[in-house]
Amino acid sequence: MTSWIILGLAGLLEVVFAVALKQSRGLSHLPMAVLAGIAMLCSLTLLALAMRSIPVSAAYAIWTGIGAVGTVVAGILLFGEAASVLRVTSLSLILAGMVGLKLGADA
C-alpha cells in the first residue's frame, strides 16, 4: 500500500512540474524554473521508489495518467482552459484505465 501512496505523490509532483514549467514562461522566470526542476527530480525519485514493488507497466502508466489528468484539471482551473464534454469524457477514460491497471497489478 505504501508504494501506491508514493506513486500517487510522484504523480502529483508531475502536475506541480507541469504547472511550474508553464509559469516559468519558457524557463525565463527562474523561481518557477527551479521549482519545475525540483518537482521533476522528486517525482522521478518517488516513481523509482514505487517501482521497487509495483510492476513497471502499471507504475509508469499510472504515474503518467495522474500527471495527465492532474495537468488538464490544473489547466482548466488555473489557466481557464476549455472543459468540454470531449475533454471530460477523455479524462474519465484515462481514470478508468488507471483503475484497471491498479486492479490488474494487485491481482
PDB file of N, CA and C in Angstrom:
ATOM      1  N   MET A   1       0.825  -1.206   0.000  1.00  0.00           N
ATOM      2  CA  MET A   1       0.000   0.000   0.000  1.00  0.00           C
ATOM      3  C   MET A   1       0.863   1.261   0.000  1.00  0.00           C
ATOM      4  N   THR A   2       1.954   1.243   0.717  1.00  0.00           N
ATOM      5  CA  THR A   2       2.837   2.401   0.790  1.00  0.00           C
ATOM      6  C   THR A   2       3.372   2.775  -0.582  1.00  0.00           C
ATOM      7  N   SER A   3       3.696   1.782  -1.395  1.00  0.00           N
ATOM      8  CA  SER A   3       4.210   2.060  -2.740  1.00  0.00           C
ATOM      9  C   SER A   3       3.189   2.792  -3.588  1.00  0.00           C
ATOM     10  N   TRP A   4       1.910   2.466  -3.415  1.00  0.00           N
ATOM     11  CA  TRP A   4       0.873   3.141  -4.178  1.00  0.00           C
ATOM     12  C   TRP A   4       0.717   4.593  -3.737  1.00  0.00           C
ATOM     13  N   ILE A   5       0.891   4.866  -2.452  1.00  0.00           N
ATOM     14  CA  ILE A   5       0.850   6.243  -1.955  1.00  0.00           C
ATOM     15  C   ILE A   5       2.029   7.032  -2.517  1.00  0.00           C
ATOM     16  N   ILE A   6       3.195   6.397  -2.508  1.00  0.00           N
ATOM     17  CA  ILE A   6       4.392   7.032  -3.072  1.00  0.00           C
ATOM     18  C   ILE A   6       4.177   7.339  -4.550  1.00  0.00           C
ATOM     19  N   LEU A   7       3.575   6.392  -5.272  1.00  0.00           N
ATOM     20  CA  LEU A   7       3.296   6.603  -6.693  1.00  0.00           C
ATOM     21  C   LEU A   7       2.324   7.766  -6.886  1.00  0.00           C
ATOM     22  N   GLY A   8       1.312   7.852  -6.032  1.00  0.00           N
ATOM     23  CA  GLY A   8       0.369   8.965  -6.106  1.00  0.00           C
ATOM     24  C   GLY A   8       1.050  10.306  -5.889  1.00  0.00           C
ATOM     25  N   LEU A   9       1.945  10.359  -4.918  1.00  0.00           N
ATOM     26  CA  LEU A   9       2.695  11.592  -4.663  1.00  0.00           C
ATOM     27  C   LEU A   9       3.592  11.936  -5.848  1.00  0.00           C
ATOM     28  N   ALA A  10       4.194  10.918  -6.447  1.00  0.00           N
ATOM     29  CA  ALA A  10       5.025  11.140  -7.632  1.00  0.00           C
ATOM     30  C   ALA A  10       4.197  11.745  -8.759  1.00  0.00           C
ATOM     31  N   GLY A  11       2.985  11.238  -8.931  1.00  0.00           N
ATOM     32  CA  GLY A  11       2.097  11.777  -9.956  1.00  0.00           C
ATOM     33  C   GLY A  11       1.691  13.214  -9.675  1.00  0.00           C
ATOM     34  N   LEU A  12       1.429  13.522  -8.418  1.00  0.00           N
ATOM     35  CA  LEU A  12       1.073  14.897  -8.057  1.00  0.00           C
ATOM     36  C   LEU A  12       2.238  15.855  -8.296  1.00  0.00           C
ATOM     37  N   LEU A  13       3.442  15.387  -8.027  1.00  0.00           N
ATOM     38  CA  LEU A  13       4.623  16.218  -8.301  1.00  0.00           C
ATOM     39  C   LEU A  13       4.813  16.421  -9.800  1.00  0.00           C
ATOM     40  N   GLU A  14       4.361  15.474 -10.596  1.00  0.00           N
ATOM     41  CA  GLU A  14       4.375  15.632 -12.050  1.00  0.00           C
ATOM     42  C   GLU A  14       3.484  16.811 -12.464  1.00  0.00           C
ATOM     43  N   VAL A  15       2.355  16.960 -11.779  1.00  0.00           N
ATOM     44  CA  VAL A  15       1.458  18.083 -12.040  1.00  0.00           C
ATOM     45  C   VAL A  15       2.121  19.396 -11.614  1.00  0.00           C
ATOM     46  N   VAL A  16       2.758  19.399 -10.450  1.00  0.00           N
ATOM     47  CA  VAL A  16       3.483  20.594  -9.991  1.00  0.00           C
ATOM     48  C   VAL A  16       4.541  20.973 -11.021  1.00  0.00           C
ATOM     49  N   PHE A  17       5.250  19.974 -11.529  1.00  0.00           N
ATOM     50  CA  PHE A  17       6.262  20.223 -12.562  1.00  0.00           C
ATOM     51  C   PHE A  17       5.649  20.924 -13.772  1.00  0.00           C
ATOM     52  N   ALA A  18       4.553  20.395 -14.282  1.00  0.00           N
ATOM     53  CA  ALA A  18       3.946  20.948 -15.492  1.00  0.00           C
ATOM     54  C   ALA A  18       3.444  22.372 -15.267  1.00  0.00           C
ATOM     55  N   VAL A  19       2.798  22.607 -14.134  1.00  0.00           N
ATOM     56  CA  VAL A  19       2.280  23.951 -13.850  1.00  0.00           C
ATOM     57  C   VAL A  19       3.431  24.930 -13.648  1.00  0.00           C
ATOM     58  N   ALA A  20       4.451  24.525 -12.916  1.00  0.00           N
ATOM     59  CA  ALA A  20       5.608  25.404 -12.706  1.00  0.00           C
ATOM     60  C   ALA A  20       6.329  25.676 -14.024  1.00  0.00           C
ATOM     61  N   LEU A  21       6.405  24.683 -14.886  1.00  0.00           N
ATOM     62  CA  LEU A  21       7.033  24.868 -16.193  1.00  0.00           C
ATOM     63  C   LEU A  21       6.263  25.908 -17.004  1.00  0.00           C
ATOM     64  N   LYS A  22       4.940  25.827 -16.978  1.00  0.00           N
ATOM     65  CA  LYS A  22       4.109  26.819 -17.662  1.00  0.00           C
ATOM     66  C   LYS A  22       4.345  28.209 -17.076  1.00  0.00           C
ATOM     67  N   GLN A  23       4.391  28.279 -15.752  1.00  0.00           N
ATOM     68  CA  GLN A  23       4.567  29.562 -15.066  1.00  0.00           C
ATOM     69  C   GLN A  23       5.980  30.129 -15.233  1.00  0.00           C
ATOM     70  N   SER A  24       6.922  29.287 -15.651  1.00  0.00           N
ATOM     71  CA  SER A  24       8.299  29.759 -15.808  1.00  0.00           C
ATOM     72  C   SER A  24       8.481  30.586 -17.087  1.00  0.00           C
ATOM     73  N   ARG A  25       7.434  30.645 -17.895  1.00  0.00           N
ATOM     74  CA  ARG A  25       7.475  31.426 -19.139  1.00  0.00           C
ATOM     75  C   ARG A  25       8.687  31.047 -19.991  1.00  0.00           C
ATOM     76  N   GLY A  26       8.731  29.759 -20.331  1.00  0.00           N
ATOM     77  CA  GLY A  26       9.834  29.288 -21.173  1.00  0.00           C
ATOM     78  C   GLY A  26      11.164  29.264 -20.448  1.00  0.00           C
ATOM     79  N   LEU A  27      11.123  28.957 -19.168  1.00  0.00           N
ATOM     80  CA  LEU A  27      12.285  28.892 -18.278  1.00  0.00           C
ATOM     81  C   LEU A  27      12.947  30.253 -18.045  1.00  0.00           C
ATOM     82  N   SER A  28      12.249  31.347 -18.355  1.00  0.00           N
ATOM     83  CA  SER A  28      12.822  32.678 -18.158  1.00  0.00           C
ATOM     84  C   SER A  28      12.535  33.241 -16.763  1.00  0.00           C
ATOM     85  N   HIS A  29      11.579  32.667 -16.055  1.00  0.00           N
ATOM     86  CA  HIS A  29      11.276  33.092 -14.678  1.00  0.00           C
ATOM     87  C   HIS A  29      11.931  32.081 -13.759  1.00  0.00           C
ATOM     88  N   LEU A  30      13.094  32.440 -13.243  1.00  0.00           N
ATOM     89  CA  LEU A  30      13.962  31.500 -12.535  1.00  0.00           C
ATOM     90  C   LEU A  30      13.306  30.769 -11.369  1.00  0.00           C
ATOM     91  N   PRO A  31      12.574  31.436 -10.479  1.00  0.00           N
ATOM     92  CA  PRO A  31      11.979  30.687  -9.355  1.00  0.00           C
ATOM     93  C   PRO A  31      11.064  29.542  -9.818  1.00  0.00           C
ATOM     94  N   MET A  32      10.251  29.797 -10.834  1.00  0.00           N
ATOM     95  CA  MET A  32       9.355  28.750 -11.331  1.00  0.00           C
ATOM     96  C   MET A  32      10.134  27.673 -12.082  1.00  0.00           C
ATOM     97  N   ALA A  33      11.189  28.064 -12.765  1.00  0.00           N
ATOM     98  CA  ALA A  33      12.022  27.084 -13.463  1.00  0.00           C
ATOM     99  C   ALA A  33      12.705  26.154 -12.461  1.00  0.00           C
ATOM    100  N   VAL A  34      13.178  26.723 -11.368  1.00  0.00           N
ATOM    101  CA  VAL A  34      13.813  25.916 -10.316  1.00  0.00           C
ATOM    102  C   VAL A  34      12.782  24.988  -9.677  1.00  0.00           C
ATOM    103  N   LEU A  35      11.591  25.520  -9.390  1.00  0.00           N
ATOM    104  CA  LEU A  35      10.535  24.693  -8.822  1.00  0.00           C
ATOM    105  C   LEU A  35      10.192  23.536  -9.765  1.00  0.00           C
ATOM    106  N   ALA A  36      10.117  23.817 -11.053  1.00  0.00           N
ATOM    107  CA  ALA A  36       9.827  22.765 -12.034  1.00  0.00           C
ATOM    108  C   ALA A  36      10.900  21.681 -11.982  1.00  0.00           C
ATOM    109  N   GLY A  37      12.152  22.084 -11.929  1.00  0.00           N
ATOM    110  CA  GLY A  37      13.255  21.114 -11.876  1.00  0.00           C
ATOM    111  C   GLY A  37      13.223  20.270 -10.614  1.00  0.00           C
ATOM    112  N   ILE A  38      12.974  20.904  -9.487  1.00  0.00           N
ATOM    113  CA  ILE A  38      12.915  20.180  -8.211  1.00  0.00           C
ATOM    114  C   ILE A  38      11.731  19.213  -8.205  1.00  0.00           C
ATOM    115  N   ALA A  39      10.574  19.677  -8.689  1.00  0.00           N
ATOM    116  CA  ALA A  39       9.383  18.817  -8.724  1.00  0.00           C
ATOM    117  C   ALA A  39       9.623  17.607  -9.607  1.00  0.00           C
ATOM    118  N   MET A  40      10.255  17.797 -10.762  1.00  0.00           N
ATOM    119  CA  MET A  40      10.523  16.671 -11.658  1.00  0.00           C
ATOM    120  C   MET A  40      11.503  15.690 -11.028  1.00  0.00           C
ATOM    121  N   LEU A  41      12.555  16.193 -10.424  1.00  0.00           N
ATOM    122  CA  LEU A  41      13.534  15.314  -9.778  1.00  0.00           C
ATOM    123  C   LEU A  41      12.883  14.511  -8.653  1.00  0.00           C
ATOM    124  N   CYS A  42      12.087  15.169  -7.835  1.00  0.00           N
ATOM    125  CA  CYS A  42      11.400  14.471  -6.745  1.00  0.00           C
ATOM    126  C   CYS A  42      10.386  13.468  -7.289  1.00  0.00           C
ATOM    127  N   SER A  43       9.679  13.845  -8.345  1.00  0.00           N
ATOM    128  CA  SER A  43       8.702  12.949  -8.952  1.00  0.00           C
ATOM    129  C   SER A  43       9.378  11.682  -9.477  1.00  0.00           C
ATOM    130  N   LEU A  44      10.471  11.839 -10.192  1.00  0.00           N
ATOM    131  CA  LEU A  44      11.187  10.680 -10.726  1.00  0.00           C
ATOM    132  C   LEU A  44      11.756   9.807  -9.609  1.00  0.00           C
ATOM    133  N   THR A  45      12.229  10.439  -8.553  1.00  0.00           N
ATOM    134  CA  THR A  45      12.764   9.682  -7.415  1.00  0.00           C
ATOM    135  C   THR A  45      11.671   8.839  -6.769  1.00  0.00           C
ATOM    136  N   LEU A  46      10.515   9.449  -6.535  1.00  0.00           N
ATOM    137  CA  LEU A  46       9.402   8.702  -5.939  1.00  0.00           C
ATOM    138  C   LEU A  46       8.900   7.609  -6.875  1.00  0.00           C
ATOM    139  N   LEU A  47       8.880   7.883  -8.173  1.00  0.00           N
ATOM    140  CA  LEU A  47       8.481   6.858  -9.134  1.00  0.00           C
ATOM    141  C   LEU A  47       9.429   5.661  -9.045  1.00  0.00           C
ATOM    142  N   ALA A  48      10.714   5.931  -8.982  1.00  0.00           N
ATOM    143  CA  ALA A  48      11.699   4.849  -8.876  1.00  0.00           C
ATOM    144  C   ALA A  48      11.488   4.036  -7.597  1.00  0.00           C
ATOM    145  N   LEU A  49      11.196   4.709  -6.505  1.00  0.00           N
ATOM    146  CA  LEU A  49      10.941   4.003  -5.243  1.00  0.00           C
ATOM    147  C   LEU A  49       9.688   3.137  -5.344  1.00  0.00           C
ATOM    148  N   ALA A  50       8.644   3.673  -5.949  1.00  0.00           N
ATOM    149  CA  ALA A  50       7.400   2.917  -6.087  1.00  0.00           C
ATOM    150  C   ALA A  50       7.599   1.681  -6.960  1.00  0.00           C
ATOM    151  N   MET A  51       8.474   1.799  -7.957  1.00  0.00           N
ATOM    152  CA  MET A  51       8.707   0.680  -8.877  1.00  0.00           C
ATOM    153  C   MET A  51       9.445  -0.487  -8.223  1.00  0.00           C
ATOM    154  N   ARG A  52       9.899  -0.299  -7.020  1.00  0.00           N
ATOM    155  CA  ARG A  52      10.522  -1.424  -6.311  1.00  0.00           C
ATOM    156  C   ARG A  52       9.524  -2.553  -6.089  1.00  0.00           C
ATOM    157  N   SER A  53       8.250  -2.195  -5.909  1.00  0.00           N
ATOM    158  CA  SER A  53       7.262  -3.242  -5.631  1.00  0.00           C
ATOM    159  C   SER A  53       6.030  -3.195  -6.538  1.00  0.00           C
ATOM    160  N   ILE A  54       5.941  -2.199  -7.410  1.00  0.00           N
ATOM    161  CA  ILE A  54       4.828  -2.117  -8.360  1.00  0.00           C
ATOM    162  C   ILE A  54       5.389  -2.447  -9.741  1.00  0.00           C
ATOM    163  N   PRO A  55       4.706  -3.296 -10.500  1.00  0.00           N
ATOM    164  CA  PRO A  55       5.190  -3.606 -11.847  1.00  0.00           C
ATOM    165  C   PRO A  55       5.364  -2.339 -12.691  1.00  0.00           C
ATOM    166  N   VAL A  56       6.414  -2.309 -13.483  1.00  0.00           N
ATOM    167  CA  VAL A  56       6.720  -1.124 -14.284  1.00  0.00           C
ATOM    168  C   VAL A  56       5.564  -0.748 -15.209  1.00  0.00           C
ATOM    169  N   SER A  57       4.881  -1.732 -15.755  1.00  0.00           N
ATOM    170  CA  SER A  57       3.778  -1.442 -16.677  1.00  0.00           C
ATOM    171  C   SER A  57       2.665  -0.658 -15.987  1.00  0.00           C
ATOM    172  N   ALA A  58       2.363  -0.992 -14.775  1.00  0.00           N
ATOM    173  CA  ALA A  58       1.324  -0.273 -14.032  1.00  0.00           C
ATOM    174  C   ALA A  58       1.861   1.044 -13.480  1.00  0.00           C
ATOM    175  N   ALA A  59       3.039   1.008 -12.886  1.00  0.00           N
ATOM    176  CA  ALA A  59       3.584   2.201 -12.233  1.00  0.00           C
ATOM    177  C   ALA A  59       3.761   3.351 -13.217  1.00  0.00           C
ATOM    178  N   TYR A  60       4.381   3.083 -14.347  1.00  0.00           N
ATOM    179  CA  TYR A  60       4.647   4.157 -15.295  1.00  0.00           C
ATOM    180  C   TYR A  60       3.351   4.691 -15.899  1.00  0.00           C
ATOM    181  N   ALA A  61       2.458   3.794 -16.279  1.00  0.00           N
ATOM    182  CA  ALA A  61       1.199   4.232 -16.884  1.00  0.00           C
ATOM    183  C   ALA A  61       0.359   5.043 -15.896  1.00  0.00           C
ATOM    184  N   ILE A  62       0.310   4.619 -14.650  1.00  0.00           N
ATOM    185  CA  ILE A  62      -0.474   5.346 -13.649  1.00  0.00           C
ATOM    186  C   ILE A  62       0.187   6.682 -13.321  1.00  0.00           C
ATOM    187  N   TRP A  63       1.491   6.695 -13.244  1.00  0.00           N
ATOM    188  CA  TRP A  63       2.226   7.945 -12.996  1.00  0.00           C
ATOM    189  C   TRP A  63       1.927   8.968 -14.090  1.00  0.00           C
ATOM    190  N   THR A  64       2.020   8.535 -15.346  1.00  0.00           N
ATOM    191  CA  THR A  64       1.733   9.462 -16.438  1.00  0.00           C
ATOM    192  C   THR A  64       0.251   9.828 -16.463  1.00  0.00           C
ATOM    193  N   GLY A  65      -0.618   8.885 -16.086  1.00  0.00           N
ATOM    194  CA  GLY A  65      -2.052   9.170 -16.039  1.00  0.00           C
ATOM    195  C   GLY A  65      -2.386  10.229 -15.009  1.00  0.00           C
ATOM    196  N   ILE A  66      -1.800  10.090 -13.818  1.00  0.00           N
ATOM    197  CA  ILE A  66      -2.022  11.102 -12.777  1.00  0.00           C
ATOM    198  C   ILE A  66      -1.522  12.457 -13.274  1.00  0.00           C
ATOM    199  N   GLY A  67      -0.361  12.458 -13.893  1.00  0.00           N
ATOM    200  CA  GLY A  67       0.188  13.700 -14.424  1.00  0.00           C
ATOM    201  C   GLY A  67      -0.693  14.302 -15.501  1.00  0.00           C
ATOM    202  N   ALA A  68      -1.189  13.463 -16.400  1.00  0.00           N
ATOM    203  CA  ALA A  68      -2.026  13.954 -17.494  1.00  0.00           C
ATOM    204  C   ALA A  68      -3.359  14.490 -16.980  1.00  0.00           C
ATOM    205  N   VAL A  69      -4.035  13.704 -16.173  1.00  0.00           N
ATOM    206  CA  VAL A  69      -5.335  14.138 -15.641  1.00  0.00           C
ATOM    207  C   VAL A  69      -5.162  15.376 -14.764  1.00  0.00           C
ATOM    208  N   GLY A  70      -4.191  15.335 -13.884  1.00  0.00           N
ATOM    209  CA  GLY A  70      -3.967  16.469 -12.990  1.00  0.00           C
ATOM    210  C   GLY A  70      -3.594  17.737 -13.731  1.00  0.00           C
ATOM    211  N   THR A  71      -2.817  17.601 -14.797  1.00  0.00           N
ATOM    212  CA  THR A  71      -2.413  18.773 -15.562  1.00  0.00           C
ATOM    213  C   THR A  71      -3.588  19.356 -16.344  1.00  0.00           C
ATOM    214  N   VAL A  72      -4.442  18.510 -16.883  1.00  0.00           N
ATOM    215  CA  VAL A  72      -5.632  19.014 -17.575  1.00  0.00           C
ATOM    216  C   VAL A  72      -6.549  19.734 -16.579  1.00  0.00           C
ATOM    217  N   VAL A  73      -6.762  19.142 -15.417  1.00  0.00           N
ATOM    218  CA  VAL A  73      -7.600  19.778 -14.397  1.00  0.00           C
ATOM    219  C   VAL A  73      -6.981  21.106 -13.957  1.00  0.00           C
ATOM    220  N   ALA A  74      -5.675  21.123 -13.753  1.00  0.00           N
ATOM    221  CA  ALA A  74      -4.988  22.364 -13.375  1.00  0.00           C
ATOM    222  C   ALA A  74      -5.130  23.407 -14.480  1.00  0.00           C
ATOM    223  N   GLY A  75      -5.015  22.982 -15.720  1.00  0.00           N
ATOM    224  CA  GLY A  75      -5.175  23.909 -16.836  1.00  0.00           C
ATOM    225  C   GLY A  75      -6.560  24.530 -16.860  1.00  0.00           C
ATOM    226  N   ILE A  76      -7.553  23.712 -16.574  1.00  0.00           N
ATOM    227  CA  ILE A  76      -8.930  24.212 -16.545  1.00  0.00           C
ATOM    228  C   ILE A  76      -9.119  25.194 -15.387  1.00  0.00           C
ATOM    229  N   LEU A  77      -8.652  24.806 -14.202  1.00  0.00           N
ATOM    230  CA  LEU A  77      -8.879  25.625 -13.010  1.00  0.00           C
ATOM    231  C   LEU A  77      -7.985  26.860 -12.934  1.00  0.00           C
ATOM    232  N   LEU A  78      -6.734  26.729 -13.343  1.00  0.00           N
ATOM    233  CA  LEU A  78      -5.769  27.819 -13.165  1.00  0.00           C
ATOM    234  C   LEU A  78      -5.608  28.714 -14.382  1.00  0.00           C
ATOM    235  N   PHE A  79      -5.793  28.131 -15.575  1.00  0.00           N
ATOM    236  CA  PHE A  79      -5.485  28.881 -16.786  1.00  0.00           C
ATOM    237  C   PHE A  79      -6.698  29.085 -17.693  1.00  0.00           C
ATOM    238  N   GLY A  80      -7.870  28.707 -17.206  1.00  0.00           N
ATOM    239  CA  GLY A  80      -9.090  28.939 -17.967  1.00  0.00           C
ATOM    240  C   GLY A  80      -9.206  28.129 -19.247  1.00  0.00           C
ATOM    241  N   GLU A  81      -8.554  26.983 -19.302  1.00  0.00           N
ATOM    242  CA  GLU A  81      -8.646  26.144 -20.485  1.00  0.00           C
ATOM    243  C   GLU A  81     -10.033  25.514 -20.565  1.00  0.00           C
ATOM    244  N   ALA A  82     -10.409  25.095 -21.757  1.00  0.00           N
ATOM    245  CA  ALA A  82     -11.753  24.565 -22.002  1.00  0.00           C
ATOM    246  C   ALA A  82     -12.011  23.275 -21.231  1.00  0.00           C
ATOM    247  N   ALA A  83     -13.239  23.145 -20.735  1.00  0.00           N
ATOM    248  CA  ALA A  83     -13.691  21.920 -20.055  1.00  0.00           C
ATOM    249  C   ALA A  83     -14.835  21.325 -20.864  1.00  0.00           C
ATOM    250  N   SER A  84     -14.545  20.990 -22.105  1.00  0.00           N
ATOM    251  CA  SER A  84     -15.586  20.480 -22.994  1.00  0.00           C
ATOM    252  C   SER A  84     -15.988  19.064 -22.604  1.00  0.00           C
ATOM    253  N   VAL A  85     -17.115  18.633 -23.132  1.00  0.00           N
ATOM    254  CA  VAL A  85     -17.610  17.284 -22.879  1.00  0.00           C
ATOM    255  C   VAL A  85     -16.575  16.258 -23.357  1.00  0.00           C
ATOM    256  N   LEU A  86     -15.979  16.501 -24.509  1.00  0.00           N
ATOM    257  CA  LEU A  86     -14.977  15.566 -25.039  1.00  0.00           C
ATOM    258  C   LEU A  86     -13.769  15.467 -24.113  1.00  0.00           C
ATOM    259  N   ARG A  87     -13.304  16.578 -23.586  1.00  0.00           N
ATOM    260  CA  ARG A  87     -12.150  16.554 -22.685  1.00  0.00           C
ATOM    261  C   ARG A  87     -12.476  15.812 -21.385  1.00  0.00           C
ATOM    262  N   VAL A  88     -13.640  16.100 -20.813  1.00  0.00           N
ATOM    263  CA  VAL A  88     -14.031  15.442 -19.564  1.00  0.00           C
ATOM    264  C   VAL A  88     -14.243  13.947 -19.796  1.00  0.00           C
ATOM    265  N   THR A  89     -14.837  13.590 -20.906  1.00  0.00           N
ATOM    266  CA  THR A  89     -15.013  12.174 -21.236  1.00  0.00           C
ATOM    267  C   THR A  89     -13.658  11.486 -21.394  1.00  0.00           C
ATOM    268  N   SER A  90     -12.742  12.154 -22.059  1.00  0.00           N
ATOM    269  CA  SER A  90     -11.404  11.592 -22.242  1.00  0.00           C
ATOM    270  C   SER A  90     -10.694  11.399 -20.901  1.00  0.00           C
ATOM    271  N   LEU A  91     -10.836  12.364 -20.007  1.00  0.00           N
ATOM    272  CA  LEU A  91     -10.252  12.232 -18.669  1.00  0.00           C
ATOM    273  C   LEU A  91     -10.852  11.046 -17.936  1.00  0.00           C
ATOM    274  N   SER A  92     -12.149  10.849 -18.096  1.00  0.00           N
ATOM    275  CA  SER A  92     -12.818   9.712 -17.457  1.00  0.00           C
ATOM    276  C   SER A  92     -12.253   8.391 -17.972  1.00  0.00           C
ATOM    277  N   LEU A  93     -11.979   8.322 -19.252  1.00  0.00           N
ATOM    278  CA  LEU A  93     -11.406   7.104 -19.830  1.00  0.00           C
ATOM    279  C   LEU A  93      -9.996   6.847 -19.305  1.00  0.00           C
ATOM    280  N   ILE A  94      -9.210   7.918 -19.159  1.00  0.00           N
ATOM    281  CA  ILE A  94      -7.866   7.762 -18.592  1.00  0.00           C
ATOM    282  C   ILE A  94      -7.969   7.247 -17.156  1.00  0.00           C
ATOM    283  N   LEU A  95      -8.869   7.834 -16.374  1.00  0.00           N
ATOM    284  CA  LEU A  95      -9.054   7.391 -14.986  1.00  0.00           C
ATOM    285  C   LEU A  95      -9.495   5.929 -14.926  1.00  0.00           C
ATOM    286  N   ALA A  96     -10.408   5.537 -15.807  1.00  0.00           N
ATOM    287  CA  ALA A  96     -10.855   4.141 -15.837  1.00  0.00           C
ATOM    288  C   ALA A  96      -9.691   3.216 -16.164  1.00  0.00           C
ATOM    289  N   GLY A  97      -8.851   3.617 -17.090  1.00  0.00           N
ATOM    290  CA  GLY A  97      -7.679   2.812 -17.424  1.00  0.00           C
ATOM    291  C   GLY A  97      -6.710   2.694 -16.255  1.00  0.00           C
ATOM    292  N   MET A  98      -6.542   3.780 -15.518  1.00  0.00           N
ATOM    293  CA  MET A  98      -5.650   3.743 -14.356  1.00  0.00           C
ATOM    294  C   MET A  98      -6.188   2.799 -13.287  1.00  0.00           C
ATOM    295  N   VAL A  99      -7.486   2.840 -13.046  1.00  0.00           N
ATOM    296  CA  VAL A  99      -8.096   1.934 -12.064  1.00  0.00           C
ATOM    297  C   VAL A  99      -7.918   0.490 -12.516  1.00  0.00           C
ATOM    298  N   GLY A 100      -8.142   0.235 -13.790  1.00  0.00           N
ATOM    299  CA  GLY A 100      -7.955  -1.116 -14.311  1.00  0.00           C
ATOM    300  C   GLY A 100      -6.525  -1.603 -14.155  1.00  0.00           C
ATOM    301  N   LEU A 101      -5.558  -0.743 -14.420  1.00  0.00           N
ATOM    302  CA  LEU A 101      -4.153  -1.134 -14.260  1.00  0.00           C
ATOM    303  C   LEU A 101      -3.817  -1.401 -12.788  1.00  0.00           C
ATOM    304  N   LYS A 102      -4.365  -0.589 -11.901  1.00  0.00           N
ATOM    305  CA  LYS A 102      -4.129  -0.800 -10.467  1.00  0.00           C
ATOM    306  C   LYS A 102      -4.712  -2.128 -10.021  1.00  0.00           C
ATOM    307  N   LEU A 103      -5.957  -2.390 -10.417  1.00  0.00           N
ATOM    308  CA  LEU A 103      -6.589  -3.653 -10.017  1.00  0.00           C
ATOM    309  C   LEU A 103      -5.857  -4.840 -10.641  1.00  0.00           C
ATOM    310  N   GLY A 104      -5.402  -4.700 -11.859  1.00  0.00           N
ATOM    311  CA  GLY A 104      -4.670  -5.779 -12.503  1.00  0.00           C
ATOM    312  C   GLY A 104      -3.314  -6.021 -11.880  1.00  0.00           C
ATOM    313  N   ALA A 105      -2.665  -4.965 -11.378  1.00  0.00           N
ATOM    314  CA  ALA A 105      -1.361  -5.128 -10.739  1.00  0.00           C
ATOM    315  C   ALA A 105      -1.476  -5.833  -9.402  1.00  0.00           C
ATOM    316  N   ASP A 106      -2.608  -5.663  -8.730  1.00  0.00           N
ATOM    317  CA  ASP A 106      -2.806  -6.277  -7.423  1.00  0.00           C
ATOM    318  C   ASP A 106      -3.283  -7.732  -7.535  1.00  0.00           C
ATOM    319  N   ALA A 107      -3.691  -8.139  -8.716  1.00  0.00           N
ATOM    320  CA  ALA A 107      -4.239  -9.495  -8.884  1.00  0.00           C
ATOM    321  C   ALA A 107      -3.153 -10.555  -8.909  1.00  0.00           C
TER     322      ALA A 107
END
